[in-house]
C-alpha atoms as a PDB file:
ATOM      1  CA  MET A   1      15.804  -8.268   1.784  1.00  0.00           C
ATOM      2  CA  LYS A   2      13.216  -5.484   0.413  1.00  0.00           C
ATOM      3  CA  SER A   3      13.081  -5.418  -3.123  1.00  0.00           C
ATOM      4  CA  ARG A   4      11.527  -2.198  -4.375  1.00  0.00           C
ATOM      5  CA  ILE A   5       9.871  -2.692  -7.727  1.00  0.00           C
ATOM      6  CA  TYR A   6       7.696   0.670  -8.073  1.00  0.00           C
ATOM      7  CA  ASP A   7       8.139   4.075  -6.695  1.00  0.00           C
ATOM      8  CA  GLU A   8       5.665   6.814  -8.016  1.00  0.00           C
ATOM      9  CA  ASP A   9       2.798   9.072  -6.932  1.00  0.00           C
ATOM     10  CA  GLY A  10       3.732   8.336  -3.231  1.00  0.00           C
ATOM     11  CA  LEU A  11       3.103   4.752  -3.676  1.00  0.00           C
ATOM     12  CA  VAL A  12       6.254   2.383  -2.996  1.00  0.00           C
ATOM     13  CA  VAL A  13       5.673  -1.339  -4.098  1.00  0.00           C
ATOM     14  CA  PHE A  14       8.432  -3.745  -2.982  1.00  0.00           C
ATOM     15  CA  GLU A  15       8.564  -7.617  -2.885  1.00  0.00           C
ATOM     16  CA  LEU A  16       9.863  -9.125   0.485  1.00  0.00           C
ATOM     17  CA  ASN A  17      10.447 -13.286   0.487  1.00  0.00           C
ATOM     18  CA  GLY A  18       7.734 -13.794  -2.209  1.00  0.00           C
ATOM     19  CA  LEU A  19       5.099 -11.377  -0.684  1.00  0.00           C
ATOM     20  CA  PHE A  20       4.143  -8.187  -2.123  1.00  0.00           C
ATOM     21  CA  TYR A  21       3.501  -4.638  -0.041  1.00  0.00           C
ATOM     22  CA  VAL A  22       2.678  -1.166  -0.892  1.00  0.00           C
ATOM     23  CA  ARG A  23       4.050   1.864   1.385  1.00  0.00           C
ATOM     24  CA  TYR A  24       2.189   4.898   1.225  1.00  0.00           C
ATOM     25  CA  ASP A  25       0.854   7.636   3.458  1.00  0.00           C
ATOM     26  CA  ALA A  26      -2.399   7.434   4.579  1.00  0.00           C
ATOM     27  CA  GLY A  27      -2.710  10.616   6.646  1.00  0.00           C
ATOM     28  CA  ALA A  28      -4.751  14.042   5.623  1.00  0.00           C
ATOM     29  CA  HIS A  29      -3.530  16.312   7.536  1.00  0.00           C
ATOM     30  CA  GLN A  30      -0.253  14.769   8.844  1.00  0.00           C
ATOM     31  CA  VAL A  31       1.961  11.768   7.430  1.00  0.00           C
ATOM     32  CA  VAL A  32       0.975   8.513   8.545  1.00  0.00           C
ATOM     33  CA  VAL A  33       2.966   5.830   6.688  1.00  0.00           C
ATOM     34  CA  ARG A  34       1.550   2.466   6.453  1.00  0.00           C
ATOM     35  CA  GLU A  35       2.944  -0.753   4.773  1.00  0.00           C
ATOM     36  CA  ASP A  36       0.385  -3.290   4.064  1.00  0.00           C
ATOM     37  CA  GLU A  37       0.346  -6.608   2.089  1.00  0.00           C
ATOM     38  CA  ILE A  38      -1.027  -6.821  -1.223  1.00  0.00           C
ATOM     39  CA  SER A  39      -1.353  -9.725  -4.095  1.00  0.00           C
ATOM     40  CA  GLU A  40       0.743  -9.594  -6.979  1.00  0.00           C
ATOM     41  CA  LYS A  41      -2.421  -8.682  -9.074  1.00  0.00           C
ATOM     42  CA  ASP A  42      -2.685  -5.652  -6.902  1.00  0.00           C
ATOM     43  CA  ALA A  43       0.922  -4.749  -7.589  1.00  0.00           C
ATOM     44  CA  ARG A  44       0.691  -5.394 -10.890  1.00  0.00           C
ATOM     45  CA  ARG A  45      -2.835  -3.130 -11.122  1.00  0.00           C
ATOM     46  CA  ILE A  46      -0.963  -0.208  -9.144  1.00  0.00           C
ATOM     47  CA  MET A  47       1.995  -0.607 -11.699  1.00  0.00           C
ATOM     48  CA  ALA A  48      -0.294   0.250 -14.665  1.00  0.00           C
ATOM     49  CA  GLY A  49      -1.099   3.679 -13.631  1.00  0.00           C
ATOM     50  CA  HIS A  50      -2.744   6.160 -11.260  1.00  0.00           C
ATOM     51  CA  GLY A  51      -6.364   5.161 -11.940  1.00  0.00           C
ATOM     52  CA  GLU A  52      -5.886   1.406 -11.289  1.00  0.00           C
ATOM     53  CA  ALA A  53      -4.022   2.593  -8.361  1.00  0.00           C
ATOM     54  CA  ASN A  54      -6.284   4.272  -6.621  1.00  0.00           C
ATOM     55  CA  LYS A  55      -8.905   1.981  -7.065  1.00  0.00           C
ATOM     56  CA  VAL A  56      -6.433  -0.779  -5.385  1.00  0.00           C
ATOM     57  CA  MET A  57      -5.851   1.820  -2.520  1.00  0.00           C
ATOM     58  CA  PHE A  58      -9.671   1.987  -1.733  1.00  0.00           C
ATOM     59  CA  GLU A  59      -9.971  -1.782  -1.691  1.00  0.00           C
ATOM     60  CA  LEU A  60      -7.132  -2.050   0.512  1.00  0.00           C
ATOM     61  CA  GLN A  61      -8.601   0.420   3.041  1.00  0.00           C
ATOM     62  CA  ARG A  62     -11.775  -1.263   2.747  1.00  0.00           C
ATOM     63  CA  ARG A  63     -10.256  -4.567   3.552  1.00  0.00           C
ATOM     64  CA  LEU A  64      -8.694  -3.123   6.182  1.00  0.00           C
ATOM     65  CA  GLU A  65     -11.638  -1.569   7.907  1.00  0.00           C
ATOM     66  CA  THR A  66     -13.497  -4.880   7.233  1.00  0.00           C
ATOM     67  CA  SER A  67     -11.012  -6.644   9.484  1.00  0.00           C
ATOM     68  CA  GLY A  68     -10.996  -4.638  12.263  1.00  0.00           C
ATOM     69  CA  VAL A  69      -7.740  -2.513  11.282  1.00  0.00           C
ATOM     70  CA  ASN A  70      -7.751   1.346  11.068  1.00  0.00           C
ATOM     71  CA  PRO A  71      -6.568   1.903   7.996  1.00  0.00           C
ATOM     72  CA  TYR A  72      -5.420   6.022   9.166  1.00  0.00           C
ATOM     73  CA  VAL A  73      -3.096   4.840  11.635  1.00  0.00           C
ATOM     74  CA  SER A  74       0.638   4.116  10.937  1.00  0.00           C
ATOM     75  CA  ASN A  75       1.779   0.530  11.412  1.00  0.00           C
ATOM     76  CA  VAL A  76       5.647   1.273  10.571  1.00  0.00           C
ATOM     77  CA  LYS A  77       8.326   1.232  13.393  1.00  0.00           C
ATOM     78  CA  TRP A  78      10.645   4.109  12.749  1.00  0.00           C
END
């Protein structure tokens, strides 16, 4: 079961089976919801405040792009 541990500024951090995820809107002109795995360290950084959260999100988007994933396309099934 997902355990929500943070929900502010459009970022939701949750834990599932010992792994951490962030849910966020990656869209510019329309809603594009993504859920991506992050480290526990990055989860703590997001919860530390807006400035660190922005850094984590930029780093995450770069990692996704480097691995061939378009970070601006939803990966959530509704």
